[in-house]
Protein backbone atom coordinates (compact mmCIF):
# COMPACT_ATOMS: atom_id res chain seq x y z
CA MET A 1 0.16 -0.27 0.36
CA LYS A 2 3.02 2.55 0.74
CA VAL A 3 4.17 2.37 -2.23
CA LEU A 4 1.23 2.11 -4.33
CA LEU A 5 0.46 5.62 -2.65
CA LEU A 6 4.11 6.80 -2.83
CA PHE A 7 3.46 6.18 -6.67
CA PHE A 8 0.72 8.13 -6.34
CA PHE A 9 2.31 11.23 -5.23
CA LEU A 10 4.92 11.19 -7.22
CA ALA A 11 3.19 11.19 -10.53
CA THR A 12 0.45 14.07 -9.08
CA ILE A 13 4.10 16.22 -8.55
CA ILE A 14 5.45 15.45 -12.04
CA ALA A 15 1.54 16.34 -13.48
CA THR A 16 1.76 19.81 -11.50
CA CYS A 17 5.48 20.47 -12.11
CA GLN A 18 5.11 19.97 -16.31
CA GLY A 19 1.28 21.60 -16.03
CA ALA A 20 2.25 24.50 -14.19
CA SER A 21 3.60 27.49 -15.99
CA HIS A 22 5.72 28.41 -13.24
CA PRO A 23 5.77 25.16 -10.96
CA VAL A 24 6.63 25.43 -6.94
CA VAL A 25 6.79 23.38 -4.32
CA GLY A 26 3.71 24.50 -2.64
CA HIS A 27 2.01 27.77 -2.69
CA HIS A 28 1.87 30.33 0.32
CA LYS A 29 -1.01 32.81 1.28
CA PRO A 30 -2.49 33.96 4.63
CA GLY A 31 -4.71 31.41 5.76
CA PHE A 32 -4.57 29.31 2.90
CA ARG A 33 -3.11 25.95 2.53
CA SER A 34 -2.44 25.34 -0.92
CA SER A 35 -3.78 21.87 -3.03
CA ARG A 36 -0.76 21.82 -5.83
CA VAL A 37 0.77 19.34 -3.97
CA PRO A 38 -0.55 16.26 -2.69
CA ARG A 39 -0.97 15.75 1.25
CA TYR A 40 -0.43 12.37 3.43
CA PRO A 41 -3.63 11.50 5.17
CA ARG A 42 -3.49 13.90 8.29
CA ASN A 43 -5.07 11.01 10.76
CA SER A 44 -1.56 9.10 10.44
CA ARG A 45 0.46 12.07 10.99
CA GLY A 46 0.74 11.27 14.82
CA SER A 47 1.80 7.61 14.46
CA GLU A 48 4.35 8.65 12.05
CA SER A 49 6.13 11.29 13.81
CA HIS A 50 7.07 9.05 17.05
CA LYS A 51 8.05 5.48 17.31
CA PRO A 52 8.45 3.36 20.63
CA GLY A 53 12.05 4.88 21.64
CA PHE A 54 12.67 7.33 18.35
CA ASN A 55 11.13 10.67 17.71
CA CYS A 56 11.27 11.55 13.82
CA LEU A 57 10.15 15.17 14.80
CA SER A 58 12.92 15.52 17.51
CA TRP A 59 15.01 13.86 14.55
CA ARG A 60 14.12 16.54 12.00
CA LEU A 61 15.16 19.47 14.63
CA THR A 62 18.18 17.71 15.47
CA VAL A 63 19.09 17.63 11.96
CA GLU A 64 18.24 21.42 10.66
CA THR A 65 20.38 22.75 13.79
CA ASN A 66 23.30 20.87 12.69
CA ASN A 67 23.36 18.59 15.91
CA ILE A 68 23.14 15.42 13.59
CA ARG A 69 25.99 15.42 11.20
CA ASP A 70 27.12 13.10 8.33
CA TRP A 71 24.13 10.57 8.14
CA ALA A 72 23.70 8.52 5.10
CA VAL A 73 20.37 7.94 4.81
CA VAL A 74 16.95 9.15 6.75
CA PRO A 75 16.11 6.26 9.05
CA GLN A 76 13.89 3.70 7.95
CA ALA A 77 11.49 4.87 11.01
CA CYS A 78 10.98 8.29 9.59
CA LEU A 79 10.51 7.69 5.99
CA SER A 80 7.00 8.08 6.35
CA TYR A 81 7.28 11.23 8.43
CA VAL A 82 9.61 13.07 5.82
CA GLY A 83 7.33 12.21 3.58
CA HIS A 84 4.35 14.03 5.13
CA TYR A 85 6.45 16.94 5.95
CA MET A 86 8.13 17.39 2.58
CA LEU A 87 4.43 16.80 0.96
CA ASP A 88 1.96 18.73 3.14
CA TYR A 89 2.01 22.04 4.37
CA GLN A 90 4.53 22.17 7.03
CA TYR A 91 7.54 22.54 5.03
CA ARG A 92 5.69 25.21 2.93
CA GLU A 93 5.14 27.14 5.49
CA ASP A 94 8.92 26.89 6.98
CA ALA A 95 10.19 27.50 3.98
CA GLN A 96 8.14 30.45 3.68
CA ALA A 97 9.06 31.46 7.04
CA VAL A 98 12.79 31.26 6.06
CA ALA A 99 12.38 33.76 3.09
CA ASP A 100 10.08 36.34 5.25
CA ALA A 101 12.68 36.46 7.78
CA ALA A 102 15.30 36.79 4.62
CA TYR A 103 13.41 39.77 3.50
CA ASN A 104 12.77 41.07 6.96
CA TYR A 105 16.42 41.69 7.30
CA ALA A 106 17.63 42.39 3.91
CA LYS A 107 15.25 45.51 3.97
CA SER A 108 16.08 46.33 7.14
CA THR A 109 19.85 46.79 5.98
CA PRO A 110 21.44 50.24 4.40
CA LEU A 111 22.82 49.07 1.28
CA ILE A 112 26.60 50.89 1.14
CA LYS A 113 27.23 53.30 -2.08
CA ASP A 114 30.16 52.23 -4.39
CA PHE A 115 29.91 48.47 -3.21
CA ARG A 116 28.15 45.26 -4.68
CA ASN A 117 25.88 44.69 -2.12
CA THR A 118 25.05 41.07 -2.39
CA TRP A 119 22.94 38.17 -1.72
CA ILE A 120 24.06 34.45 -2.25
CA PHE A 121 21.74 31.83 -2.95
CA ASP A 122 22.64 27.94 -3.40
CA LEU A 123 21.05 26.39 -6.26
CA GLY A 124 19.87 23.08 -5.30
CA ASP A 125 16.43 22.52 -2.97
CA THR A 126 17.40 26.26 -2.21
CA VAL A 127 16.05 27.86 -5.34
CA LEU A 128 15.55 24.39 -7.57
CA SER A 129 13.54 21.66 -5.18
CA SER A 130 14.84 18.01 -5.91
CA LEU A 131 11.10 17.14 -4.15
CA PRO A 132 10.04 15.02 -7.21
CA TYR A 133 13.18 13.04 -7.51
CA TYR A 134 12.89 12.06 -4.01
CA ALA A 135 9.66 11.32 -3.65
CA GLN A 136 10.21 8.37 -6.08
CA PRO A 137 9.44 5.23 -4.38
CA ASN A 138 12.85 3.60 -5.06
CA ILE A 139 14.45 7.13 -3.31
CA ALA A 140 11.65 7.31 -0.16
CA PHE A 141 12.50 10.81 0.57
CA GLY A 142 16.47 9.81 1.79
CA GLY A 143 15.79 6.25 2.62
CA THR A 144 18.19 5.11 0.11
CA LYS A 145 21.98 6.27 -0.04
CA TYR A 146 22.73 9.00 -2.92
CA ASN A 147 23.20 7.88 -6.26
CA SER A 148 25.00 10.75 -8.22
CA THR A 149 24.34 8.87 -11.53
CA LYS A 150 20.43 8.72 -11.04
CA PHE A 151 20.61 12.27 -9.83
CA ALA A 152 22.29 13.89 -12.71
CA ILE A 153 19.89 12.09 -15.19
CA TRP A 154 16.94 13.69 -12.88
CA GLU A 155 18.85 17.13 -13.37
CA MET A 156 19.52 16.89 -17.02
CA LYS A 157 15.49 17.28 -16.94
CA GLY A 158 15.75 20.38 -16.18
CA ILE A 159 12.18 20.56 -14.35
CA ALA A 160 13.01 21.29 -10.73
CA PRO A 161 10.09 23.45 -9.04
CA VAL A 162 10.79 26.03 -7.36
CA VAL A 163 11.03 25.98 -3.09
CA PRO A 164 8.66 27.73 -1.56
CA GLY A 165 8.85 31.57 -1.15
CA ILE A 166 12.08 31.61 -2.84
CA LEU A 167 10.97 33.31 -5.91
CA ASP A 168 9.33 35.90 -4.30
CA LEU A 169 12.12 36.64 -1.93
CA TYR A 170 14.60 36.49 -5.08
CA LYS A 171 12.47 39.08 -6.93
CA LYS A 172 12.05 41.33 -3.53
CA LEU A 173 15.84 41.54 -2.53
CA GLN A 174 16.15 42.73 -6.71
CA SER A 175 13.97 45.50 -6.24
CA LEU A 176 15.92 46.69 -2.91
CA GLY A 177 18.98 46.67 -5.32
CA TYR A 178 20.67 43.85 -4.18
CA LYS A 179 22.79 41.89 -7.10
CA ILE A 180 22.05 38.12 -7.00
CA VAL A 181 24.83 35.09 -6.62
CA ILE A 182 24.25 31.72 -7.02
CA ILE A 183 26.86 29.34 -6.18
CA SER A 184 26.26 25.87 -6.49
CA GLY A 185 28.58 22.35 -6.23
CA ARG A 186 26.72 21.54 -9.82
CA SER A 187 29.01 21.13 -12.54
CA GLU A 188 29.67 23.63 -15.39
CA SER A 189 28.45 20.54 -17.58
CA LEU A 190 24.88 21.53 -16.19
CA ARG A 191 24.84 25.02 -16.78
CA ALA A 192 22.43 25.66 -19.93
CA VAL A 193 20.02 22.78 -18.08
CA ALA A 194 20.11 24.82 -14.67
CA ILE A 195 19.77 28.64 -16.75
CA LYS A 196 16.55 27.13 -18.88
CA ASN A 197 15.24 25.77 -15.93
CA LEU A 198 15.49 29.20 -13.94
CA LYS A 199 14.27 30.96 -16.45
CA ASN A 200 11.19 28.71 -16.93
CA LEU A 201 10.44 29.75 -13.16
CA GLY A 202 10.52 33.04 -13.67
CA PHE A 203 14.28 33.60 -12.53
CA ILE A 204 16.24 36.61 -14.49
CA ASN A 205 18.88 39.13 -13.83
CA TRP A 206 21.34 37.34 -11.83
CA GLU A 207 24.50 38.82 -11.17
CA LYS A 208 26.54 35.83 -11.28
CA LEU A 209 25.74 32.06 -11.48
CA ILE A 210 28.99 29.96 -10.23
CA LEU A 211 29.21 26.28 -10.77
CA LYS A 212 32.22 24.01 -10.26
CA GLN A 213 34.56 23.43 -13.06
CA THR A 214 36.89 20.81 -13.81
CA SER A 215 39.80 22.18 -11.89
CA ASP A 216 37.04 21.92 -8.82
CA LYS A 217 36.79 18.26 -8.96
CA GLY A 218 37.23 16.69 -5.84
CA THR A 219 36.75 19.94 -3.58
CA THR A 220 33.99 19.58 -0.95
CA SER A 221 31.10 22.10 -1.07
CA LEU A 222 32.39 23.93 1.93
CA VAL A 223 35.73 24.51 0.57
CA PHE A 224 34.26 25.94 -2.75
CA LYS A 225 31.65 27.69 -1.51
CA GLU A 226 34.14 29.49 0.56
CA LYS A 227 36.81 30.18 -2.08
CA LYS A 228 34.10 31.23 -4.48
CA ARG A 229 33.11 34.07 -1.64
CA ASN A 230 36.59 35.30 -0.79
CA GLU A 231 36.64 35.69 -4.71
CA LEU A 232 33.38 37.80 -4.35
CA ILE A 233 35.26 40.00 -1.81
CA ALA A 234 38.03 40.66 -3.13
CA GLN A 235 36.04 42.55 -6.09
CA ALA A 236 34.39 44.71 -3.74
CA TYR A 237 31.36 42.48 -3.30
CA ARG A 238 29.64 43.00 -0.10
CA ILE A 239 27.81 39.82 1.05
CA ILE A 240 24.91 40.41 3.40
CA GLY A 241 22.46 37.60 3.43
CA ASN A 242 23.06 33.98 1.91
CA VAL A 243 20.52 31.45 1.54
CA GLY A 244 21.29 27.18 1.57
CA ASP A 245 19.63 24.37 2.57
CA GLN A 246 22.89 22.41 3.76
CA TRP A 247 24.87 23.99 6.41
CA ASN A 248 28.17 23.89 4.00
CA ASP A 249 26.22 26.42 2.29
CA LEU A 250 26.27 28.61 5.05
CA LEU A 251 29.58 28.01 7.04
CA GLY A 252 33.40 29.21 6.46
CA GLU A 253 34.70 32.92 5.74
CA HIS A 254 32.65 35.34 4.28
CA ALA A 255 29.12 33.03 4.84
CA GLY A 256 27.12 36.54 4.55
CA TYR A 257 26.24 39.10 7.48
CA ARG A 258 23.26 36.81 8.35
CA THR A 259 22.63 33.12 6.92
CA PHE A 260 19.11 31.53 6.32
CA LYS A 261 18.63 27.97 6.50
CA VAL A 262 16.11 26.59 4.18
CA PRO A 263 14.50 23.29 5.81
CA ASN A 264 15.58 20.08 4.42
CA PRO A 265 15.52 16.54 6.23
CA MET A 266 16.23 14.59 2.88
CA TYR A 267 19.76 14.21 2.84
CA TYR A 268 22.95 15.83 4.32
CA ASP A 269 25.49 16.98 2.36
């Protein structure tokens, strides 16, 4: 039964992503819960969030605060819980809360003339969501080990939807005068696909899209992103804010005056 449900949810997500002009993982309005992303039955939530001897809600909180690190897969006891969270309203509201906090900070921060006042975005699961990939039954919301080959095949399709709240944040930051720089651990070979995907969703006029070159092969995401931020600082970019879904997006030198983490309990990079 669980396998059939997962197939149903996946099919619905993909249909939504392909059918919408600006597909999103959820949609947020005050007092409104979108029906564009399917939901698990609410009456099963409680039993899935607390297993004997293992509380999945507490596990997710500990993951988001980076107190559990270097984990390879979501615990089997929490697969259904993570599925509930990612596909139901709570993930959308949590991501929107991050976007709201980032914007509130951005609009209260004076921009300095003669500096390139900059806001950094990670790409995967910060701007472009891989939820349709992870919702597949054989991936099970992070219940299986990461397979770079399978994920690259999905990335090449260029059909990732938007992470909730991020497109609105992106446009608001631009209207405030921020220059947007996207730094991603994706390969340079995926540039054309990423650009097409971004533009199809409404992301335009970014300052830089920085991807990994062949010479960066083997460099960890933390070291790579820190290096690229240092290069920006040397070019008179002033990094005000930084949004990412992984802690390696937000740690290291010149991470930003303030950092904002988008929730992601499906994997740890």
